[in-house]
């Protein structure tokens, strides 16, 4: 069973002919330590698409930066805490919204009940906190074609993106990074166009929408949201954003020589530095008040580099550079960039959406409970479990709702929701209650944590979650009175088309307690790669048992944990 799971995971990586066999390499203890800086930086990103977005973030907050270094043509500023809900439909009151997301009682039928169903599916959703764009003087927008000679790099070792290009024949250099602890982006722009006043930066705000585009939100919609300036002082302004019932704080601070002025009725602010070749600023977002002084670009870039270097130098690493198989570099690139993506967007206060924090997906940026394992379980094998702590707290917080949902649908124990926001309410689609893929995951996750920290504290932490999950899993199979056979009924197949019973995904999860092979994202790839390198319980006692047993693959690894 373990070998079968490994084989399926490897196949899902779309790397044909990398079998999950053995290797003839010497034990890892005889291998020299990995040069981690060389490992990481050989995969630095160069992407010269003016509208292409790269993620810069600290795990909780993400700034989607385009080729301009800002969000001139595309990109969003999002955080795991920035949830918004539209007002309820006319005539509806909060007491009419079921806490579980389900109107059904004991029978899952999927019938629509009212406009509340649509509202529950759309809410809550992530929103775009603010947009930063390069602008011509006078508020004139730039087009992608206005940028020529673009050369953009993202240094994975320092977390700093640098964009160099020309506008109207003048050089422009933009450096961008995100603070490791504050939800803040820091930017330094150097150009003769800044000095002449021909190039400025605008910060503006949108009313949320649930449609994904170059920017999330309607920047032409003025109703339903407001921006209030608070105690401005030279070089600094604090803002209070109100978006329906949601509120958050914004601080904008420019370095010496820079100016900030309000524009467009207070929903936009413009920064300039006429007479100075450099415009440097920081823009921070928070659900609470922000500190009175934001760290300038220099300090922020140093803190950003220290954070990323500490990240890369600790935890697991896999070096494939001595391999002869021509696919080594692509596999290693995927492993390195997957670590970057997860640390950028998937190490915050809630599990990530399937698209992370770069934009909205069809599920409104809500997270799927069956994907919690795929996004976060790899942190255990890569010895970075602390990066998953906050997000995994969703299980503890959702116990009341999971217990209520189980009772409502006629089961014992804890029935976990599927598509959720921070309130734990599952979106009102019948499949969200019939799909069972997510049910075994808390038990698997608890096992991962206990292997890392085998203490009474860990047992107590997970006891109610594990017991309640197991109680539900034991109660959900339905006995046929004629045959005496138990079946998972109702269930929904992987195609998510209609109801069935005993579908293979759910049988796999119930029988093994682990996740079924799914379209693995970055976290799934990292879990599989760690198993291939460090092995799993019962794996062959040799180095890198998931890699081919020939000299074409030379696998150096360190800091990884054996998988269950």
Protein backbone atom coordinates (compact mmCIF):
# COMPACT_ATOMS: atom_id res chain seq x y z
CA UNK A 1 0.00 0.00 0.00
CA UNK A 2 2.81 2.45 0.82
CA UNK A 3 4.67 1.73 -2.43
CA UNK A 4 1.42 2.12 -4.38
CA UNK A 5 0.84 5.55 -2.83
CA UNK A 6 4.36 6.67 -3.65
CA UNK A 7 4.02 5.51 -7.24
CA UNK A 8 0.79 7.45 -7.68
CA UNK A 9 2.25 10.60 -6.19
CA UNK A 10 5.30 10.42 -8.43
CA UNK A 11 3.12 9.92 -11.49
CA UNK A 12 1.16 13.01 -10.52
CA UNK A 13 4.31 15.12 -10.81
CA UNK A 14 4.15 14.71 -14.61
CA UNK A 15 7.78 13.57 -14.72
CA UNK A 16 7.57 10.35 -16.77
CA UNK A 17 9.82 7.38 -16.14
CA UNK A 18 11.06 8.55 -12.73
CA UNK A 19 10.19 5.33 -11.00
CA UNK A 20 9.74 4.93 -7.29
CA UNK A 21 12.40 2.31 -6.93
CA UNK A 22 15.75 2.14 -5.23
CA UNK A 23 19.11 3.82 -5.67
CA UNK A 24 22.64 2.55 -5.45
CA UNK A 25 24.02 5.69 -3.85
CA UNK A 26 25.97 5.72 -0.62
CA UNK A 27 24.18 6.74 2.61
CA UNK A 28 23.67 10.48 2.96
CA UNK A 29 26.05 10.70 5.93
CA UNK A 30 29.01 10.27 3.54
CA UNK A 31 27.90 13.20 1.35
CA UNK A 32 29.28 16.69 1.88
CA UNK A 33 26.77 19.32 3.09
CA UNK A 34 24.65 20.89 0.38
CA UNK A 35 25.65 24.36 -0.81
CA UNK A 36 22.20 25.78 -0.20
CA UNK A 37 22.84 29.20 -1.67
CA UNK A 38 24.00 27.64 -4.93
CA UNK A 39 21.04 25.24 -4.87
CA UNK A 40 18.53 28.07 -4.49
CA UNK A 41 20.00 30.81 -6.65
CA UNK A 42 20.49 28.65 -9.73
CA UNK A 43 16.71 28.79 -9.93
CA UNK A 44 16.33 32.56 -9.57
CA UNK A 45 13.44 33.74 -11.72
CA UNK A 46 13.85 35.87 -14.83
CA UNK A 47 10.51 36.77 -16.40
CA UNK A 48 10.35 39.68 -18.82
CA UNK A 49 6.58 39.90 -19.20
CA UNK A 50 5.35 43.34 -18.20
CA UNK A 51 1.97 41.99 -17.05
CA UNK A 52 3.21 38.73 -15.54
CA UNK A 53 2.75 38.56 -11.77
CA UNK A 54 5.23 37.15 -9.27
CA UNK A 55 4.40 36.52 -5.63
CA UNK A 56 6.33 38.49 -3.00
CA UNK A 57 5.17 37.67 0.50
CA UNK A 58 5.72 36.53 4.07
CA UNK A 59 3.21 33.65 4.24
CA UNK A 60 0.41 35.83 5.63
CA UNK A 61 0.50 38.68 3.09
CA UNK A 62 1.28 38.61 -0.61
CA UNK A 63 2.04 41.43 -3.02
CA UNK A 64 1.54 40.35 -6.63
CA UNK A 65 4.18 42.32 -8.53
CA UNK A 66 4.12 42.73 -12.29
CA UNK A 67 7.09 43.50 -14.55
CA UNK A 68 6.99 47.19 -13.64
CA UNK A 69 7.86 46.25 -10.05
CA UNK A 70 4.46 47.39 -8.84
CA UNK A 71 0.92 46.54 -9.98
CA UNK A 72 0.85 48.88 -12.95
CA UNK A 73 -0.68 46.34 -15.33
CA UNK A 74 -1.77 43.50 -13.02
CA UNK A 75 -1.48 42.26 -9.46
CA UNK A 76 -3.24 42.27 -6.10
CA UNK A 77 -2.39 42.87 -2.45
CA UNK A 78 -3.99 40.12 -0.36
CA UNK A 79 -3.70 38.59 3.09
CA UNK A 80 -5.16 35.61 4.90
CA UNK A 81 -7.02 37.99 7.23
CA UNK A 82 -8.68 40.25 4.61
CA UNK A 83 -12.16 38.74 4.32
CA UNK A 84 -15.17 40.67 3.11
CA UNK A 85 -18.87 39.83 2.75
CA UNK A 86 -21.47 41.59 0.63
CA UNK A 87 -24.61 42.77 2.42
CA UNK A 88 -27.31 40.12 2.73
CA UNK A 89 -29.98 40.02 0.01
CA UNK A 90 -32.94 42.28 0.56
CA UNK A 91 -35.36 40.79 3.05
CA UNK A 92 -32.79 38.39 4.52
CA UNK A 93 -31.50 38.63 8.08
CA UNK A 94 -28.44 36.97 9.69
CA UNK A 95 -30.58 34.50 11.62
CA UNK A 96 -31.68 32.96 8.31
CA UNK A 97 -28.09 31.96 7.43
CA UNK A 98 -27.37 28.41 8.70
CA UNK A 99 -24.11 28.23 10.64
CA UNK A 100 -23.22 24.98 8.86
CA UNK A 101 -24.00 26.21 5.36
CA UNK A 102 -26.63 23.46 4.94
CA UNK A 103 -30.40 23.64 4.99
CA UNK A 104 -30.75 19.87 4.72
CA UNK A 105 -31.62 17.75 7.71
CA UNK A 106 -30.57 14.08 7.61
CA UNK A 107 -30.84 13.97 3.79
CA UNK A 108 -28.46 15.60 1.32
CA UNK A 109 -30.51 16.67 -1.68
CA UNK A 110 -28.73 19.78 -2.93
CA UNK A 111 -31.94 21.68 -3.67
CA UNK A 112 -31.65 25.46 -3.70
CA UNK A 113 -33.61 27.16 -0.92
CA UNK A 114 -33.38 30.88 -1.59
CA UNK A 115 -31.13 33.78 -2.52
CA UNK A 116 -29.23 32.99 0.68
CA UNK A 117 -27.63 30.02 -1.11
CA UNK A 118 -26.02 32.32 -3.66
CA UNK A 119 -24.99 34.74 -0.93
CA UNK A 120 -23.38 31.94 1.14
CA UNK A 121 -21.45 30.69 -1.89
CA UNK A 122 -20.06 34.16 -2.62
CA UNK A 123 -19.31 35.11 0.99
CA UNK A 124 -16.95 35.58 2.63
CA UNK A 125 -14.32 36.20 -0.05
CA UNK A 126 -10.83 37.62 -0.11
CA UNK A 127 -10.52 41.21 -1.28
CA UNK A 128 -7.79 43.30 -2.84
CA UNK A 129 -6.37 45.54 -0.11
CA UNK A 130 -4.96 48.16 -2.47
CA UNK A 131 -3.29 48.71 -5.85
CA UNK A 132 0.07 50.42 -6.42
CA UNK A 133 0.76 51.65 -9.95
CA UNK A 134 3.36 53.67 -11.78
CA UNK A 135 1.65 56.65 -13.40
CA UNK A 136 2.61 59.47 -15.68
CA UNK A 137 2.26 62.97 -14.27
CA UNK A 138 -1.30 64.19 -14.25
CA UNK A 139 -2.73 60.78 -13.50
CA UNK A 140 -2.20 59.33 -16.97
CA UNK A 141 -1.91 55.54 -17.07
CA UNK A 142 0.95 53.59 -18.57
CA UNK A 143 0.38 50.78 -21.08
CA UNK A 144 2.53 47.63 -21.23
CA UNK A 145 3.95 48.85 -24.54
CA UNK A 146 5.32 51.95 -22.82
CA UNK A 147 7.90 49.76 -21.10
CA UNK A 148 10.80 48.64 -23.29
CA UNK A 149 13.95 46.60 -22.64
CA UNK A 150 12.45 44.94 -19.56
CA UNK A 151 14.74 42.72 -17.52
CA UNK A 152 13.13 41.43 -14.33
CA UNK A 153 14.69 39.04 -11.82
CA UNK A 154 13.52 37.62 -8.51
CA UNK A 155 16.41 36.72 -6.21
CA UNK A 156 15.11 33.77 -4.20
CA UNK A 157 17.95 34.05 -1.69
CA UNK A 158 16.97 37.61 -0.70
CA UNK A 159 13.29 37.80 -1.72
CA UNK A 160 13.86 41.02 -3.69
CA UNK A 161 12.49 41.56 -7.20
CA UNK A 162 14.46 43.96 -9.41
CA UNK A 163 13.00 45.34 -12.64
CA UNK A 164 15.05 47.38 -15.12
CA UNK A 165 13.53 48.95 -18.23
CA UNK A 166 13.05 52.17 -20.16
CA UNK A 167 10.11 54.53 -20.45
CA UNK A 168 10.34 57.18 -23.17
CA UNK A 169 14.03 56.34 -23.50
CA UNK A 170 14.83 56.97 -19.83
CA UNK A 171 16.09 54.23 -17.52
CA UNK A 172 13.90 53.02 -14.67
CA UNK A 173 14.99 50.63 -11.89
CA UNK A 174 12.45 49.31 -9.38
CA UNK A 175 13.31 47.13 -6.39
CA UNK A 176 10.43 45.51 -4.50
CA UNK A 177 10.23 43.35 -1.37
CA UNK A 178 7.86 42.39 1.46
CA UNK A 179 8.61 42.75 5.16
CA UNK A 180 8.87 39.39 6.99
CA UNK A 181 6.64 40.40 9.92
CA UNK A 182 4.59 43.40 8.81
CA UNK A 183 2.09 43.00 5.97
CA UNK A 184 3.99 45.64 4.09
CA UNK A 185 5.59 46.14 0.69
CA UNK A 186 8.65 48.37 0.33
CA UNK A 187 9.73 49.85 -2.99
CA UNK A 188 12.65 51.90 -4.30
CA UNK A 189 12.38 53.54 -7.74
CA UNK A 190 15.34 55.22 -9.40
CA UNK A 191 14.91 57.16 -12.65
CA UNK A 192 15.43 60.57 -14.22
CA UNK A 193 11.66 60.49 -14.77
CA UNK A 194 11.15 60.59 -11.00
CA UNK A 195 13.48 63.58 -10.73
CA UNK A 196 11.67 65.45 -13.50
CA UNK A 197 8.26 64.70 -11.99
CA UNK A 198 7.16 62.75 -15.07
CA UNK A 199 6.76 59.49 -13.13
CA UNK A 200 4.68 59.05 -9.98
CA UNK A 201 3.11 56.22 -7.98
CA UNK A 202 -0.59 55.95 -7.20
CA UNK A 203 -2.26 53.92 -4.46
CA UNK A 204 -5.98 53.36 -4.99
CA UNK A 205 -8.72 51.13 -3.65
CA UNK A 206 -11.55 49.08 -5.13
CA UNK A 207 -14.90 47.79 -4.07
CA UNK A 208 -14.62 43.97 -3.86
CA UNK A 209 -15.87 41.70 -6.62
CA UNK A 210 -15.78 37.92 -6.98
CA UNK A 211 -14.38 38.04 -10.51
CA UNK A 212 -10.70 37.43 -11.18
CA UNK A 213 -8.98 39.76 -13.63
CA UNK A 214 -5.74 41.69 -13.91
CA UNK A 215 -6.83 43.34 -10.66
CA UNK A 216 -9.46 41.97 -8.30
CA UNK A 217 -12.15 44.53 -7.52
CA UNK A 218 -14.01 47.37 -9.21
CA UNK A 219 -11.89 50.51 -9.04
CA UNK A 220 -14.67 52.59 -10.60
CA UNK A 221 -17.24 51.64 -7.98
CA UNK A 222 -17.44 54.36 -5.33
CA UNK A 223 -20.41 53.19 -3.21
CA UNK A 224 -20.04 50.77 -0.32
CA UNK A 225 -16.47 51.70 0.64
CA UNK A 226 -14.59 54.70 1.94
CA UNK A 227 -11.06 55.77 2.80
CA UNK A 228 -10.53 58.15 5.71
CA UNK A 229 -7.23 59.95 6.19
CA UNK A 230 -6.02 60.02 9.81
CA UNK A 231 -3.51 62.54 11.21
CA UNK A 232 -1.32 63.06 8.14
CA UNK A 233 2.19 64.36 8.67
CA UNK A 234 5.03 65.12 6.25
CA UNK A 235 5.95 61.91 4.44
CA UNK A 236 3.28 59.78 6.14
CA UNK A 237 -0.45 59.22 6.00
CA UNK A 238 -2.58 56.68 7.84
CA UNK A 239 -5.85 55.54 6.33
CA UNK A 240 -8.92 53.79 7.68
CA UNK A 241 -10.63 51.65 5.07
CA UNK A 242 -14.29 50.71 5.52
CA UNK A 243 -15.77 48.25 3.05
CA UNK A 244 -19.35 47.43 4.03
CA UNK A 245 -18.86 45.82 7.47
CA UNK A 246 -15.13 45.12 6.99
CA UNK A 247 -12.45 47.52 8.22
CA UNK A 248 -8.67 47.64 7.94
CA UNK A 249 -5.82 50.09 8.27
CA UNK A 250 -3.34 51.32 5.67
CA UNK A 251 -0.16 53.34 6.18
CA UNK A 252 1.81 55.01 3.42
CA UNK A 253 5.25 56.43 4.17
CA UNK A 254 7.79 57.95 1.76
CA UNK A 255 11.50 58.54 2.26
CA UNK A 256 13.05 61.99 2.43
CA UNK A 257 12.27 64.02 -0.68
CA UNK A 258 8.98 62.26 -1.31
CA UNK A 259 5.53 63.79 -1.12
CA UNK A 260 2.06 62.27 -0.67
CA UNK A 261 -1.10 63.96 -1.87
CA UNK A 262 -4.73 62.84 -1.90
CA UNK A 263 -6.42 62.37 -5.23
CA UNK A 264 -9.80 61.29 -6.58
CA UNK A 265 -11.86 62.26 -3.57
CA UNK A 266 -9.73 60.43 -1.01
CA UNK A 267 -9.89 56.90 -2.47
CA UNK A 268 -6.50 57.38 -4.14
CA UNK A 269 -3.15 58.80 -3.05
CA UNK A 270 -0.21 59.83 -5.21
CA UNK A 271 3.49 59.78 -4.31
CA UNK A 272 6.14 61.80 -6.10
CA UNK A 273 9.74 62.97 -5.58
CA UNK A 274 10.35 65.81 -8.04
CA UNK A 275 13.93 67.05 -7.75
CA UNK A 276 15.14 63.67 -6.47
CA UNK A 277 16.22 60.77 -8.63
CA UNK A 278 14.89 58.20 -6.14
CA UNK A 279 11.40 57.63 -4.78
CA UNK A 280 11.33 55.12 -1.93
CA UNK A 281 8.24 54.23 0.06
CA UNK A 282 6.53 51.61 2.21
CA UNK A 283 2.86 50.66 2.13
CA UNK A 284 1.47 48.55 5.00
CA UNK A 285 -1.89 46.92 5.64
CA UNK A 286 -3.30 45.56 8.89
CA UNK A 287 -6.58 44.71 10.63
CA UNK A 288 -5.23 46.75 13.57
CA UNK A 289 -3.47 50.08 13.96
CA UNK A 290 -0.03 50.20 12.36
CA UNK A 291 3.21 51.32 14.08
CA UNK A 292 3.92 55.06 13.99
CA UNK A 293 7.04 54.55 11.87
CA UNK A 294 7.42 52.03 9.08
CA UNK A 295 10.86 50.57 8.35
CA UNK A 296 12.31 52.20 5.23
CA UNK A 297 13.27 50.28 2.11
CA UNK A 298 16.86 49.62 3.20
CA UNK A 299 15.90 48.07 6.53
CA UNK A 300 13.02 46.17 4.98
CA UNK A 301 15.17 44.65 2.25
CA UNK A 302 17.73 43.61 4.86
CA UNK A 303 15.02 42.02 7.01
CA UNK A 304 13.53 40.34 3.96
CA UNK A 305 16.91 38.89 2.95
CA UNK A 306 17.57 37.68 6.50
CA UNK A 307 14.20 35.94 6.59
CA UNK A 308 14.72 34.16 3.29
CA UNK A 309 18.28 33.14 4.03
CA UNK A 310 17.19 31.72 7.38
CA UNK A 311 14.37 29.86 5.62
CA UNK A 312 16.67 28.31 3.01
CA UNK A 313 19.41 27.43 5.51
CA UNK A 314 17.06 25.55 7.84
CA UNK A 315 14.78 22.62 7.20
CA UNK A 316 15.13 20.16 4.35
CA UNK A 317 17.02 20.42 1.07
CA UNK A 318 17.37 18.24 -2.02
CA UNK A 319 20.26 18.73 -4.47
CA UNK A 320 20.09 16.86 -7.78
CA UNK A 321 22.83 18.77 -9.62
CA UNK A 322 25.22 15.81 -9.91
CA UNK A 323 22.64 13.73 -11.78
CA UNK A 324 23.11 12.71 -15.40
CA UNK A 325 19.42 12.38 -16.20
CA UNK A 326 18.54 15.51 -18.23
CA UNK A 327 15.39 16.07 -16.18
CA UNK A 328 17.21 16.71 -12.90
CA UNK A 329 17.20 20.48 -13.23
CA UNK A 330 13.49 20.73 -13.96
CA UNK A 331 12.61 18.53 -10.98
CA UNK A 332 14.98 20.48 -8.73
CA UNK A 333 13.57 23.76 -10.02
CA UNK A 334 10.04 22.64 -9.17
CA UNK A 335 11.15 21.62 -5.68
CA UNK A 336 12.91 24.94 -4.98
CA UNK A 337 10.18 27.15 -6.43
CA UNK A 338 7.48 25.16 -4.64
CA UNK A 339 9.19 25.88 -1.33
CA UNK A 340 9.28 29.57 -2.24
CA UNK A 341 5.62 29.66 -3.22
CA UNK A 342 4.45 27.93 -0.06
CA UNK A 343 6.55 30.16 2.22
CA UNK A 344 5.25 33.21 0.35
CA UNK A 345 1.53 32.48 0.30
CA UNK A 346 0.77 29.43 2.44
CA UNK A 347 2.20 29.96 5.91
CA UNK A 348 -0.37 32.22 7.51
CA UNK A 349 -3.35 32.34 9.81
CA UNK A 350 -5.65 30.25 7.60
CA UNK A 351 -5.18 27.48 5.04
CA UNK A 352 -4.67 28.92 1.57
CA UNK A 353 -7.09 28.90 -1.31
CA UNK A 354 -6.13 26.67 -4.22
CA UNK A 355 -4.73 29.76 -5.98
CA UNK A 356 -2.96 31.14 -2.93
CA UNK A 357 -3.02 34.91 -2.49
CA UNK A 358 -2.41 36.03 -6.07
CA UNK A 359 -6.09 36.40 -6.95
CA UNK A 360 -9.52 34.82 -6.69
CA UNK A 361 -10.56 31.43 -7.98
CA UNK A 362 -14.06 30.14 -8.72
CA UNK A 363 -14.45 29.45 -4.99
CA UNK A 364 -14.02 33.10 -4.01
CA UNK A 365 -10.67 32.56 -2.32
CA UNK A 366 -12.21 30.27 0.30
CA UNK A 367 -10.11 27.30 1.35
CA UNK A 368 -11.04 23.67 0.79
CA UNK A 369 -10.67 21.39 3.77
CA UNK A 370 -9.62 18.44 1.59
CA UNK A 371 -6.72 20.58 0.36
CA UNK A 372 -5.38 21.42 3.83
CA UNK A 373 -3.21 18.29 3.71
CA UNK A 374 -1.87 19.09 0.23
CA UNK A 375 -0.95 22.63 1.16
CA UNK A 376 0.46 22.09 4.65
CA UNK A 377 1.49 18.46 5.35
CA UNK A 378 4.82 18.86 3.55
CA UNK A 379 6.02 21.22 6.30
CA UNK A 380 6.32 18.18 8.61
CA UNK A 381 8.66 16.29 6.25
CA UNK A 382 10.72 19.38 5.47
CA UNK A 383 11.14 20.12 9.22
CA UNK A 384 9.29 23.44 9.04
CA UNK A 385 6.17 22.41 10.90
CA UNK A 386 5.94 25.71 12.75
CA UNK A 387 4.96 27.34 9.45
CA UNK A 388 1.73 25.31 9.46
CA UNK A 389 0.72 25.86 13.11
CA UNK A 390 -1.61 28.83 12.68
CA UNK A 391 -3.44 27.50 9.65
CA UNK A 392 -3.93 24.05 11.18
CA UNK A 393 -5.70 25.76 14.07
CA UNK A 394 -8.74 25.79 11.78
CA UNK A 395 -9.58 22.27 13.00
CA UNK A 396 -9.80 23.39 16.63
CA UNK A 397 -11.78 26.50 15.71
CA UNK A 398 -14.21 24.58 13.52
CA UNK A 399 -15.12 21.87 16.07
CA UNK A 400 -18.50 23.45 17.01
CA UNK A 401 -19.57 23.83 13.38
CA UNK A 402 -18.34 20.33 12.44
CA UNK A 403 -20.28 18.81 15.33
CA UNK A 404 -23.41 20.77 14.42
CA UNK A 405 -23.15 19.71 10.76
CA UNK A 406 -22.83 16.03 11.71
CA UNK A 407 -25.91 16.23 13.95
CA UNK A 408 -27.85 18.12 11.30
CA UNK A 409 -27.16 15.44 8.67
CA UNK A 410 -27.80 12.56 11.06
CA UNK A 411 -24.28 11.45 12.01
CA UNK A 412 -22.16 11.18 15.11
CA UNK A 413 -18.85 12.92 15.67
CA UNK A 414 -17.36 15.73 13.59
CA UNK A 415 -18.24 16.22 9.93
CA UNK A 416 -15.78 18.71 8.49
CA UNK A 417 -16.95 21.28 5.99
CA UNK A 418 -15.38 21.53 2.57
CA UNK A 419 -15.31 25.03 1.05
CA UNK A 420 -14.95 27.40 4.01
CA UNK A 421 -14.01 30.83 5.22
CA UNK A 422 -12.93 31.80 8.74
CA UNK A 423 -16.41 31.22 10.17
CA UNK A 424 -16.23 27.51 9.27
CA UNK A 425 -19.46 27.53 7.29
CA UNK A 426 -19.33 25.28 4.23
CA UNK A 427 -20.55 26.68 0.92
CA UNK A 428 -24.08 25.44 0.16
CA UNK A 429 -23.45 22.92 -2.60
CA UNK A 430 -24.61 19.36 -2.00
CA UNK A 431 -21.22 18.03 -3.01
CA UNK A 432 -19.60 19.93 -0.18
CA UNK A 433 -21.45 17.64 2.22
CA UNK A 434 -21.30 14.42 0.17
CA UNK A 435 -17.61 14.57 -0.76
CA UNK A 436 -15.73 12.75 1.98
CA UNK A 437 -12.15 13.32 0.82
CA UNK A 438 -11.38 15.76 3.62
CA UNK A 439 -12.62 13.58 6.50
CA UNK A 440 -9.49 11.49 7.31
CA UNK A 441 -7.02 14.37 6.98
CA UNK A 442 -7.10 15.66 10.59
CA UNK A 443 -6.06 12.20 11.83
CA UNK A 444 -3.16 12.11 9.38
CA UNK A 445 -2.11 15.64 10.33
CA UNK A 446 -2.26 14.77 14.03
CA UNK A 447 0.03 11.80 13.36
CA UNK A 448 2.52 14.06 11.59
CA UNK A 449 2.63 16.41 14.56
CA UNK A 450 2.92 13.59 17.10
CA UNK A 451 5.92 12.14 15.24
CA UNK A 452 7.62 15.52 15.53
CA UNK A 453 6.50 16.17 19.11
CA UNK A 454 5.49 12.92 20.88
CA UNK A 455 4.18 14.48 24.08
CA UNK A 456 1.06 14.46 26.23
CA UNK A 457 0.48 18.04 25.12
CA UNK A 458 0.23 16.94 21.50
CA UNK A 459 -2.18 14.14 22.37
CA UNK A 460 -4.40 16.49 24.34
CA UNK A 461 -4.31 19.08 21.55
CA UNK A 462 -5.64 16.63 18.96
CA UNK A 463 -7.76 14.31 21.14
CA UNK A 464 -11.18 15.80 20.47
CA UNK A 465 -10.41 16.29 16.78
CA UNK A 466 -9.15 12.74 16.25
CA UNK A 467 -11.89 11.08 18.29
CA UNK A 468 -14.66 13.13 16.70
CA UNK A 469 -13.32 12.52 13.20
CA UNK A 470 -13.03 8.78 13.80
CA UNK A 471 -16.52 8.65 15.29
CA UNK A 472 -17.96 10.24 12.17
CA UNK A 473 -15.97 7.95 9.85
CA UNK A 474 -17.27 4.90 11.72
CA UNK A 475 -20.84 6.17 11.58
CA UNK A 476 -21.08 7.42 8.00
CA UNK A 477 -21.07 4.03 6.17
CA UNK A 478 -24.66 2.90 5.59
CA UNK A 479 -25.69 -0.75 6.08
CA UNK A 480 -27.80 -2.44 3.43
CA UNK A 481 -30.56 -4.26 5.29
CA UNK A 482 -30.71 -6.98 2.63
CA UNK A 483 -27.04 -7.77 2.08
CA UNK A 484 -25.64 -6.58 5.39
CA UNK A 485 -22.88 -4.77 3.48
CA UNK A 486 -21.82 -1.29 4.54
CA UNK A 487 -21.34 1.37 1.87
CA UNK A 488 -20.33 5.00 1.66
CA UNK A 489 -23.69 6.33 0.58
CA UNK A 490 -24.25 9.04 -0.46
CA UNK A 491 -20.88 9.81 -2.01
CA UNK A 492 -19.78 11.81 -5.01
CA UNK A 493 -17.26 10.61 -7.61
CA UNK A 494 -14.12 12.58 -8.52
CA UNK A 495 -15.96 13.99 -11.54
CA UNK A 496 -18.28 15.69 -9.02
CA UNK A 497 -21.23 14.76 -11.23
CA UNK A 498 -24.16 13.41 -9.26
CA UNK A 499 -24.33 11.02 -6.32
CA UNK A 500 -23.05 7.48 -6.12
CA UNK A 501 -21.69 5.18 -3.45
CA UNK A 502 -18.28 3.72 -2.68
CA UNK A 503 -16.32 5.99 -5.02
CA UNK A 504 -12.61 5.20 -5.16
CA UNK A 505 -11.39 8.50 -3.69
CA UNK A 506 -13.45 8.16 -0.55
CA UNK A 507 -12.75 4.43 -0.14
CA UNK A 508 -9.01 5.14 -0.37
CA UNK A 509 -9.23 7.84 2.29
CA UNK A 510 -11.43 5.84 4.67
CA UNK A 511 -9.33 2.67 4.32
CA UNK A 512 -5.87 4.24 4.70
CA UNK A 513 -6.53 7.43 6.65
CA UNK A 514 -4.46 9.34 4.13
CA UNK A 515 -5.20 11.62 1.20
CA UNK A 516 -6.06 10.22 -2.19
CA UNK A 517 -3.86 11.29 -5.12
CA UNK A 518 -5.24 14.60 -6.33
CA UNK A 519 -3.94 17.23 -8.70
CA UNK A 520 -0.99 18.02 -6.46
CA UNK A 521 0.05 21.61 -6.18
CA UNK A 522 3.29 22.85 -4.75
CA UNK A 523 2.70 21.29 -1.34
CA UNK A 524 1.86 17.89 -2.82
CA UNK A 525 5.00 17.94 -4.92
CA UNK A 526 7.12 18.73 -1.88
CA UNK A 527 5.58 15.90 0.13
CA UNK A 528 6.23 13.43 -2.70
CA UNK A 529 9.81 14.66 -3.23
CA UNK A 530 10.58 14.30 0.47
CA UNK A 531 9.27 10.73 0.44
CA UNK A 532 11.34 9.89 -2.64
CA UNK A 533 14.48 11.22 -0.94
CA UNK A 534 14.07 10.41 2.77
CA UNK A 535 11.74 7.43 2.47
CA UNK A 536 8.66 6.32 4.37
CA UNK A 537 7.82 3.80 7.04
CA UNK A 538 8.69 0.40 5.63
CA UNK A 539 10.68 1.78 2.70
CA UNK A 540 13.77 -0.09 1.43
CA UNK A 541 16.74 0.58 3.69
CA UNK A 542 18.81 2.49 1.19
CA UNK A 543 19.46 6.06 0.22
CA UNK A 544 16.69 7.94 -1.63
CA UNK A 545 14.44 4.88 -2.07
CA UNK A 546 11.96 6.69 -4.32
CA UNK A 547 14.52 7.46 -7.03
CA UNK A 548 15.70 5.06 -9.77
CA UNK A 549 18.36 2.51 -8.84
CA UNK A 550 20.92 3.60 -11.42
CA UNK A 551 23.76 6.09 -11.71
CA UNK A 552 21.71 8.61 -13.71
CA UNK A 553 20.31 10.05 -10.49
CA UNK A 554 22.62 11.40 -7.79
CA UNK A 555 20.49 12.55 -4.88
CA UNK A 556 21.91 14.62 -2.03
CA UNK A 557 19.45 15.46 0.70
CA UNK A 558 19.50 16.69 4.28
CA UNK A 559 17.10 17.84 6.98
CA UNK A 560 14.11 15.78 5.80
CA UNK A 561 11.87 13.56 7.92
CA UNK A 562 10.62 10.07 7.10
CA UNK A 563 6.97 9.99 6.03
CA UNK A 564 4.32 7.86 7.73
